[in-house]
N, C-alpha and C. Protein backbone atom coordinates (compact mmCIF):
# COMPACT_ATOMS: atom_id res chain seq x y z
N UNK A 1 0.57 -1.12 0.10
CA UNK A 1 0.05 0.03 -0.04
C UNK A 1 1.05 1.32 0.05
N UNK A 2 0.98 2.41 -0.33
CA UNK A 2 1.30 2.99 -0.36
C UNK A 2 1.05 4.27 0.29
N UNK A 3 1.46 5.03 0.60
CA UNK A 3 1.82 6.40 2.06
C UNK A 3 0.68 7.18 1.58
N UNK A 4 -0.16 7.39 2.48
CA UNK A 4 -0.99 8.52 2.17
C UNK A 4 -2.70 7.78 1.17
N UNK A 5 -2.55 6.56 1.09
CA UNK A 5 -4.06 6.37 -0.07
C UNK A 5 -5.05 5.75 0.99
N UNK A 6 -5.09 6.21 2.40
CA UNK A 6 -6.37 5.68 3.09
C UNK A 6 -7.03 7.33 3.30
N UNK A 7 -7.88 7.11 3.07
CA UNK A 7 -9.20 8.54 3.22
C UNK A 7 -9.19 9.07 4.32
N UNK A 8 -9.54 10.06 4.87
CA UNK A 8 -9.83 10.83 6.02
C UNK A 8 -11.15 10.64 6.00
N UNK A 9 -11.61 10.68 7.88
CA UNK A 9 -13.31 11.60 7.64
C UNK A 9 -13.11 12.51 8.77
N UNK A 10 -14.31 12.79 9.43
CA UNK A 10 -14.62 13.32 10.64
C UNK A 10 -15.52 12.25 11.22
N UNK A 11 -14.66 12.60 12.74
CA UNK A 11 -15.51 11.74 13.71
C UNK A 11 -15.65 12.22 14.39
N UNK A 12 -17.50 12.75 15.13
CA UNK A 12 -17.96 13.11 15.52
C UNK A 12 -18.25 14.27 15.25
N UNK A 13 -19.37 15.57 15.98
CA UNK A 13 -19.16 16.64 15.48
C UNK A 13 -18.35 17.73 16.08
N UNK A 14 -17.16 17.52 16.97
CA UNK A 14 -16.36 18.51 17.47
C UNK A 14 -14.98 18.79 16.60
N UNK A 15 -15.38 18.13 15.40
CA UNK A 15 -13.74 18.78 14.86
C UNK A 15 -12.57 17.54 14.96
N UNK A 16 -13.09 16.55 15.29
CA UNK A 16 -11.88 15.43 14.90
C UNK A 16 -11.94 14.80 13.93
N UNK A 17 -10.89 14.38 12.89
CA UNK A 17 -10.92 14.25 11.60
C UNK A 17 -9.31 13.05 11.80
N UNK A 18 -9.66 11.77 11.29
CA UNK A 18 -9.01 10.68 11.41
C UNK A 18 -9.35 9.74 10.33
N UNK A 19 -8.13 9.39 10.01
CA UNK A 19 -8.12 8.34 8.94
C UNK A 19 -9.26 6.94 8.91
N UNK A 20 -9.87 7.32 7.38
CA UNK A 20 -11.56 6.14 7.61
C UNK A 20 -10.74 4.81 7.91
N UNK A 21 -9.19 4.55 8.21
CA UNK A 21 -9.22 3.08 8.42
C UNK A 21 -8.30 3.34 10.23
N UNK A 22 -8.79 2.80 10.56
CA UNK A 22 -8.02 2.62 11.80
C UNK A 22 -7.29 1.14 12.10
N UNK A 23 -6.42 1.27 13.27
CA UNK A 23 -5.86 0.22 13.66
C UNK A 23 -5.92 -0.05 15.78
N UNK A 24 -7.02 -1.15 15.60
CA UNK A 24 -7.12 -1.86 16.54
C UNK A 24 -6.31 -2.33 17.34
N UNK A 25 -5.50 -2.01 18.57
CA UNK A 25 -4.54 -2.48 19.34
C UNK A 25 -4.37 -3.84 20.27
N UNK A 26 -5.75 -3.97 20.23
CA UNK A 26 -5.57 -4.90 21.75
C UNK A 26 -4.99 -5.89 21.42
N UNK A 27 -5.06 -7.07 20.14
CA UNK A 27 -4.09 -8.07 20.07
C UNK A 27 -2.84 -8.53 20.37
N UNK A 28 -1.99 -6.82 20.09
CA UNK A 28 -0.67 -6.66 19.78
C UNK A 28 -0.18 -6.90 21.38
N UNK A 29 -0.83 -6.72 22.23
CA UNK A 29 -0.63 -6.95 23.86
C UNK A 29 -1.46 -8.29 24.61
N UNK A 30 -1.77 -9.18 23.65
CA UNK A 30 -2.67 -10.57 24.05
C UNK A 30 -3.70 -10.07 23.81
N UNK A 31 -4.67 -10.47 24.74
CA UNK A 31 -6.09 -10.70 24.21
C UNK A 31 -6.81 -11.80 23.40
N UNK A 32 -6.23 -12.05 22.21
CA UNK A 32 -6.61 -13.15 21.18
C UNK A 32 -5.19 -13.91 21.47
N UNK A 33 -4.50 -14.45 22.24
CA UNK A 33 -2.84 -15.55 22.56
C UNK A 33 -2.48 -14.23 23.24
N UNK A 34 -1.23 -15.17 22.74
CA UNK A 34 0.35 -13.82 23.96
C UNK A 34 0.61 -12.93 23.25
N UNK A 35 1.22 -11.82 23.98
CA UNK A 35 1.68 -10.74 23.58
C UNK A 35 2.48 -10.61 22.57
N UNK A 36 2.36 -9.87 21.24
CA UNK A 36 3.54 -10.10 20.30
C UNK A 36 4.52 -9.60 20.73
N UNK A 37 5.85 -9.81 19.79
CA UNK A 37 7.29 -9.02 20.29
C UNK A 37 6.76 -7.37 20.18
N UNK A 38 7.28 -7.00 21.01
CA UNK A 38 7.10 -5.41 21.37
C UNK A 38 7.77 -4.52 20.02
N UNK A 39 8.82 -5.11 19.39
CA UNK A 39 9.86 -4.27 18.22
C UNK A 39 8.95 -5.01 17.17
N UNK A 40 8.36 -6.45 17.50
CA UNK A 40 7.31 -6.32 15.97
C UNK A 40 6.28 -5.23 15.98
N UNK A 41 5.99 -5.02 16.78
CA UNK A 41 4.31 -4.13 16.71
C UNK A 41 4.73 -2.59 16.62
N UNK A 42 5.84 -2.45 17.72
CA UNK A 42 5.90 -1.20 17.10
C UNK A 42 6.53 -0.99 15.33
N UNK A 43 7.12 -1.70 14.69
CA UNK A 43 7.46 -1.63 13.28
C UNK A 43 5.91 -1.61 12.60
N UNK A 44 4.73 -2.52 13.07
CA UNK A 44 3.43 -2.55 12.55
C UNK A 44 2.64 -1.31 12.98
N UNK A 45 3.02 -0.63 13.63
CA UNK A 45 2.55 0.74 13.99
C UNK A 45 3.00 1.43 12.91
N UNK A 46 4.40 1.69 12.95
CA UNK A 46 4.48 2.50 11.84
C UNK A 46 4.43 2.44 10.51
N UNK A 47 4.39 1.11 10.34
CA UNK A 47 4.08 0.76 8.70
C UNK A 47 3.06 1.25 8.50
N UNK A 48 1.65 1.10 9.81
CA UNK A 48 0.45 1.75 9.37
C UNK A 48 0.27 3.12 9.21
N UNK A 49 1.33 3.81 10.10
CA UNK A 49 0.91 5.40 9.74
C UNK A 49 2.32 6.02 8.69
N UNK A 50 2.68 5.21 7.86
CA UNK A 50 3.32 5.39 6.85
C UNK A 50 2.55 4.62 5.61
N UNK A 51 1.80 4.06 5.79
CA UNK A 51 0.45 4.15 5.02
C UNK A 51 -0.88 4.48 4.81
N UNK A 52 -0.64 6.03 5.77
CA UNK A 52 -1.70 6.72 5.95
C UNK A 52 -3.09 6.11 6.73
N UNK A 53 -2.62 4.82 7.93
CA UNK A 53 -3.37 4.95 8.99
C UNK A 53 -2.81 5.40 10.19
N UNK A 54 -3.49 6.28 10.44
CA UNK A 54 -3.52 7.33 11.62
C UNK A 54 -4.38 7.43 13.10
N UNK A 55 -5.19 6.91 12.92
CA UNK A 55 -6.34 6.40 14.16
C UNK A 55 -5.89 5.18 14.71
N UNK A 56 -5.62 5.45 16.03
CA UNK A 56 -5.20 3.90 16.55
C UNK A 56 -5.92 4.00 17.94
N UNK A 57 -6.34 2.68 18.52
CA UNK A 57 -7.40 2.11 19.66
C UNK A 57 -6.83 1.32 20.44
N UNK A 58 -7.12 1.69 22.00
CA UNK A 58 -6.14 1.19 22.59
C UNK A 58 -7.09 1.35 23.96
N UNK A 59 -6.63 0.63 25.28
CA UNK A 59 -7.48 0.87 26.81
C UNK A 59 -6.64 0.53 27.67
N UNK A 60 -6.88 0.97 28.58
CA UNK A 60 -5.93 0.37 29.71
C UNK A 60 -5.93 -0.90 30.12
N UNK A 61 -7.01 -1.78 29.63
CA UNK A 61 -7.59 -2.84 30.16
C UNK A 61 -6.29 -4.05 29.33
N UNK A 62 -6.24 -3.36 27.99
CA UNK A 62 -5.26 -3.78 27.03
C UNK A 62 -4.02 -4.66 27.91
N UNK A 63 -4.08 -5.90 28.33
CA UNK A 63 -2.47 -6.31 28.61
C UNK A 63 -2.65 -6.68 30.09
N UNK A 64 -3.23 -5.99 31.23
CA UNK A 64 -3.63 -4.69 31.13
C UNK A 64 -2.61 -3.53 31.33
N UNK A 65 -3.13 -2.62 30.70
CA UNK A 65 -1.84 -1.59 31.06
C UNK A 65 -0.80 -2.02 29.85
N UNK A 66 -0.29 -2.85 29.34
CA UNK A 66 0.47 -2.87 28.79
C UNK A 66 0.77 -2.30 27.15
N UNK A 67 -0.90 -2.00 26.66
CA UNK A 67 -0.83 -1.57 25.59
C UNK A 67 -0.76 -0.58 24.96
N UNK A 68 -0.82 0.31 25.94
CA UNK A 68 -1.00 1.78 26.11
C UNK A 68 0.60 2.28 26.29
N UNK A 69 1.63 1.53 27.05
CA UNK A 69 2.76 1.45 27.20
C UNK A 69 3.39 1.22 25.81
N UNK A 70 3.31 0.12 24.70
CA UNK A 70 3.51 0.09 23.98
C UNK A 70 3.21 0.88 22.82
N UNK A 71 2.30 1.76 22.92
CA UNK A 71 1.51 2.85 22.16
C UNK A 71 2.32 3.69 22.24
N UNK A 72 2.86 4.19 23.70
CA UNK A 72 4.22 5.37 23.68
C UNK A 72 4.73 5.16 23.40
N UNK A 73 5.52 4.36 23.62
CA UNK A 73 6.67 3.81 22.70
C UNK A 73 6.95 4.18 21.41
N UNK A 74 5.76 3.88 20.77
CA UNK A 74 5.78 3.70 19.34
C UNK A 74 5.81 5.61 18.47
N UNK A 75 5.28 6.11 19.27
CA UNK A 75 4.50 7.57 19.02
C UNK A 75 5.78 8.24 19.67
N UNK A 76 6.22 8.12 20.35
CA UNK A 76 7.79 8.96 20.56
C UNK A 76 8.68 9.81 19.61
N UNK A 77 8.98 10.66 19.66
CA UNK A 77 9.67 10.86 18.88
C UNK A 77 9.14 11.89 17.83
N UNK A 78 8.21 12.79 18.27
CA UNK A 78 7.37 13.08 16.72
C UNK A 78 6.01 12.77 16.30
N UNK A 79 6.67 11.19 16.59
CA UNK A 79 5.30 10.28 15.80
C UNK A 79 3.78 10.89 16.04
N UNK A 80 4.11 10.93 17.43
CA UNK A 80 2.53 11.47 18.41
C UNK A 80 1.72 12.23 17.14
N UNK A 81 2.81 13.58 16.79
CA UNK A 81 1.96 14.63 16.36
C UNK A 81 0.84 14.08 14.78
N UNK A 82 1.59 12.92 14.13
CA UNK A 82 1.15 12.51 13.11
C UNK A 82 -0.04 11.62 13.44
N UNK A 83 -0.89 11.46 14.75
CA UNK A 83 -1.53 10.53 14.38
C UNK A 83 -2.81 10.69 15.50
N UNK A 84 -3.64 9.90 15.75
CA UNK A 84 -5.06 10.70 16.86
C UNK A 84 -5.31 9.24 17.12
N UNK A 85 -5.85 9.05 18.62
CA UNK A 85 -5.48 8.24 19.47
C UNK A 85 -6.80 8.04 20.22
N UNK A 86 -7.26 6.80 20.35
CA UNK A 86 -8.25 7.09 21.10
C UNK A 86 -7.69 5.74 22.55
N UNK A 87 -8.39 5.82 23.56
CA UNK A 87 -7.66 4.78 24.21
C UNK A 87 -9.41 4.90 25.37
N UNK A 88 -9.74 4.15 26.32
CA UNK A 88 -10.70 3.58 26.52
C UNK A 88 -10.41 3.40 28.52
N UNK A 89 -11.53 3.74 29.14
CA UNK A 89 -11.78 3.40 30.69
C UNK A 89 -12.93 2.48 30.79
N UNK A 90 -13.00 2.02 32.01
CA UNK A 90 -14.47 1.37 32.41
C UNK A 90 -13.94 0.42 33.30
N UNK A 91 -12.85 -0.57 32.84
CA UNK A 91 -12.75 -1.52 34.18
C UNK A 91 -11.60 -1.38 34.99
N UNK A 92 -11.92 -2.00 36.13
CA UNK A 92 -10.76 -1.67 37.07
C UNK A 92 -10.70 -3.08 37.80
N UNK A 93 -9.35 -3.12 38.22
CA UNK A 93 -9.55 -4.71 39.43
C UNK A 93 -9.52 -4.40 40.20
N UNK A 94 -10.35 -4.71 41.55
CA UNK A 94 -10.83 -4.94 43.21
C UNK A 94 -10.26 -6.16 43.20
N UNK A 95 -9.52 -6.87 43.98
CA UNK A 95 -9.00 -7.81 44.65
C UNK A 95 -8.61 -8.99 43.79
N UNK A 96 -8.13 -8.67 42.80
CA UNK A 96 -8.37 -9.36 40.97
C UNK A 96 -9.85 -9.88 40.43
N UNK A 97 -10.79 -9.35 41.01
CA UNK A 97 -11.79 -9.14 40.32
C UNK A 97 -12.24 -8.16 39.66
N UNK A 98 -12.32 -8.13 38.16
CA UNK A 98 -13.21 -6.99 37.42
C UNK A 98 -14.07 -6.43 37.79
N UNK A 99 -14.15 -4.95 37.90
CA UNK A 99 -15.03 -4.47 38.14
C UNK A 99 -15.43 -3.31 36.90
N UNK A 100 -16.46 -2.97 36.73
CA UNK A 100 -17.00 -1.74 35.58
C UNK A 100 -17.43 -0.55 36.59
N UNK A 101 -16.36 0.16 36.20
CA UNK A 101 -16.87 1.90 36.96
C UNK A 101 -16.55 3.01 35.99
N UNK A 102 -17.34 4.04 36.41
CA UNK A 102 -17.67 5.45 36.20
C UNK A 102 -17.51 6.06 36.98
N UNK A 103 -17.98 6.29 37.72
CA UNK A 103 -17.56 7.65 38.86
C UNK A 103 -16.55 8.36 38.69
N UNK A 104 -16.86 9.68 38.74
CA UNK A 104 -15.82 11.03 38.55
C UNK A 104 -14.77 10.43 39.37
N UNK A 105 -14.36 10.13 40.51
CA UNK A 105 -12.67 10.31 40.68
C UNK A 105 -11.97 8.98 40.18
N UNK A 106 -12.60 7.72 39.13
CA UNK A 106 -12.05 6.58 38.53
C UNK A 106 -12.24 7.13 37.47
N UNK A 107 -12.67 7.48 36.58
CA UNK A 107 -12.60 8.60 35.46
C UNK A 107 -11.68 9.26 35.46
N UNK A 108 -11.28 9.89 36.32
CA UNK A 108 -10.08 10.87 36.64
C UNK A 108 -8.51 10.42 36.51
N UNK A 109 -8.99 9.58 37.65
CA UNK A 109 -7.29 8.62 38.16
C UNK A 109 -7.13 7.82 36.92
N UNK A 110 -8.15 7.02 36.15
CA UNK A 110 -7.53 6.43 34.64
C UNK A 110 -6.91 7.32 33.98
N UNK A 111 -8.08 8.21 33.58
CA UNK A 111 -7.24 9.26 32.27
C UNK A 111 -5.78 9.57 32.96
N UNK A 112 -5.78 10.03 34.18
CA UNK A 112 -3.85 10.33 34.40
C UNK A 112 -3.35 9.21 34.15
N UNK A 113 -3.64 8.15 34.85
CA UNK A 113 -2.83 6.70 34.90
C UNK A 113 -2.32 6.68 32.80
N UNK A 114 -3.76 6.57 32.06
CA UNK A 114 -3.14 6.44 30.86
C UNK A 114 -2.46 7.42 30.11
N UNK A 115 -2.82 8.89 30.38
CA UNK A 115 -1.49 9.76 29.89
C UNK A 115 0.06 9.22 30.68
N UNK A 116 0.12 8.63 31.56
CA UNK A 116 1.46 8.69 31.84
C UNK A 116 1.71 7.33 31.85
N UNK A 117 0.70 6.17 31.51
CA UNK A 117 1.35 4.99 30.79
C UNK A 117 1.74 5.38 29.08
N UNK A 118 0.95 6.18 28.56
CA UNK A 118 1.50 6.65 26.83
C UNK A 118 2.33 7.77 26.74
N UNK A 119 3.07 8.30 27.79
CA UNK A 119 3.65 9.32 27.84
C UNK A 119 3.53 10.53 26.84
N UNK A 120 2.00 11.12 27.05
CA UNK A 120 1.17 12.39 26.64
C UNK A 120 0.60 12.95 27.49
N UNK A 121 0.08 14.30 26.92
CA UNK A 121 -0.39 14.88 27.83
C UNK A 121 -1.63 15.23 26.99
N UNK A 122 -1.88 14.46 25.68
CA UNK A 122 -3.10 14.40 25.27
C UNK A 122 -3.89 13.21 24.82
N UNK A 123 -4.88 12.91 25.29
CA UNK A 123 -5.48 11.95 24.29
C UNK A 123 -6.54 12.79 23.17
N UNK A 124 -6.65 11.90 22.46
CA UNK A 124 -7.68 12.80 21.15
C UNK A 124 -8.92 12.20 21.25
N UNK A 125 -9.55 10.87 21.86
CA UNK A 125 -10.93 10.50 22.04
C UNK A 125 -10.84 9.69 22.97
N UNK A 126 -11.42 9.97 24.29
CA UNK A 126 -10.86 9.19 25.50
C UNK A 126 -12.64 8.93 25.70
N UNK A 127 -12.58 7.57 25.64
CA UNK A 127 -14.34 6.99 26.25
C UNK A 127 -14.37 5.51 26.63
N UNK A 128 -15.61 5.61 27.18
CA UNK A 128 -16.29 4.69 28.18
C UNK A 128 -15.94 2.83 27.96
N UNK A 129 -15.48 2.39 28.08
CA UNK A 129 -15.37 1.06 27.62
C UNK A 129 -16.50 -0.08 27.29
N UNK A 130 -17.06 0.49 28.67
CA UNK A 130 -18.29 -0.24 29.32
C UNK A 130 -19.08 1.09 30.58
N UNK A 131 -20.50 0.62 30.27
CA UNK A 131 -21.04 1.44 30.89
C UNK A 131 -21.40 1.07 32.47
N UNK A 132 -21.48 1.98 33.91
CA UNK A 132 -21.15 1.75 34.99
C UNK A 132 -22.71 1.82 34.97
N UNK A 133 -23.46 1.18 35.25
CA UNK A 133 -25.26 1.20 35.49
C UNK A 133 -25.42 1.15 36.66
N UNK A 134 -24.50 1.41 37.96
CA UNK A 134 -24.95 2.10 38.97
C UNK A 134 -24.58 3.05 39.35
N UNK A 135 -24.66 4.21 38.30
CA UNK A 135 -24.78 5.56 38.30
C UNK A 135 -25.69 6.05 36.77
N UNK A 136 -25.97 7.45 37.17
CA UNK A 136 -26.69 7.63 36.17
C UNK A 136 -25.35 7.90 34.81
N UNK A 137 -25.44 7.83 33.37
CA UNK A 137 -24.55 7.90 32.47
C UNK A 137 -24.15 9.38 32.27
N UNK A 138 -25.03 10.38 32.93
CA UNK A 138 -24.72 11.73 32.71
C UNK A 138 -23.81 11.96 33.72
N UNK A 139 -23.45 11.66 34.85
CA UNK A 139 -22.58 11.31 35.83
C UNK A 139 -21.17 11.18 35.19
N UNK A 140 -21.28 10.38 34.48
CA UNK A 140 -20.36 9.59 34.30
C UNK A 140 -19.54 10.85 32.67
N UNK A 141 -20.12 11.03 32.15
CA UNK A 141 -20.06 11.80 30.83
C UNK A 141 -19.74 13.18 31.47
N UNK A 142 -20.07 13.99 32.70
CA UNK A 142 -19.63 15.34 32.97
C UNK A 142 -18.37 15.13 33.78
N UNK A 143 -18.15 13.83 34.42
CA UNK A 143 -16.78 13.87 34.51
C UNK A 143 -15.44 13.70 32.94
N UNK A 144 -15.96 13.96 31.79
CA UNK A 144 -14.82 13.54 30.87
C UNK A 144 -14.52 14.73 30.48
N UNK A 145 -15.43 15.98 31.05
CA UNK A 145 -15.31 17.44 30.29
C UNK A 145 -14.40 18.21 30.92
N UNK A 146 -13.66 19.03 30.36
CA UNK A 146 -12.27 19.43 31.04
C UNK A 146 -12.89 20.46 32.08
N UNK A 147 -12.00 20.77 32.92
CA UNK A 147 -12.53 22.18 34.18
C UNK A 147 -12.37 23.01 33.22
């Protein structure tokens, strides 16, 4: 595939433009078998960018946590400015059991942890992996707004 052959589309109503084809990164860090070699996955991410794919999707759940670390490594050195990055929150582990959470304190802590793992100060699209049915969705959504 030649560089730049992937079209671009607007995502949502707030001006975010992404490649029409994205790359979901879950299986790079497990999920469907063992994690793949880091250097191979970084090369794959760079190949995707060279081919015009600039929209990457990850989550704090993938690995868990290691997929965000992988993306952070792959997107360093000026590569970050060429891509749009989505990551998700909603799953946490308490006493080795997975819980779904959407309360404001958790959302903020999960976002800060993702930013740290990604070595970034901005996430282009941050969204809820699963809905916490214990509280109104408006409470979770309100916590996503910048102060």
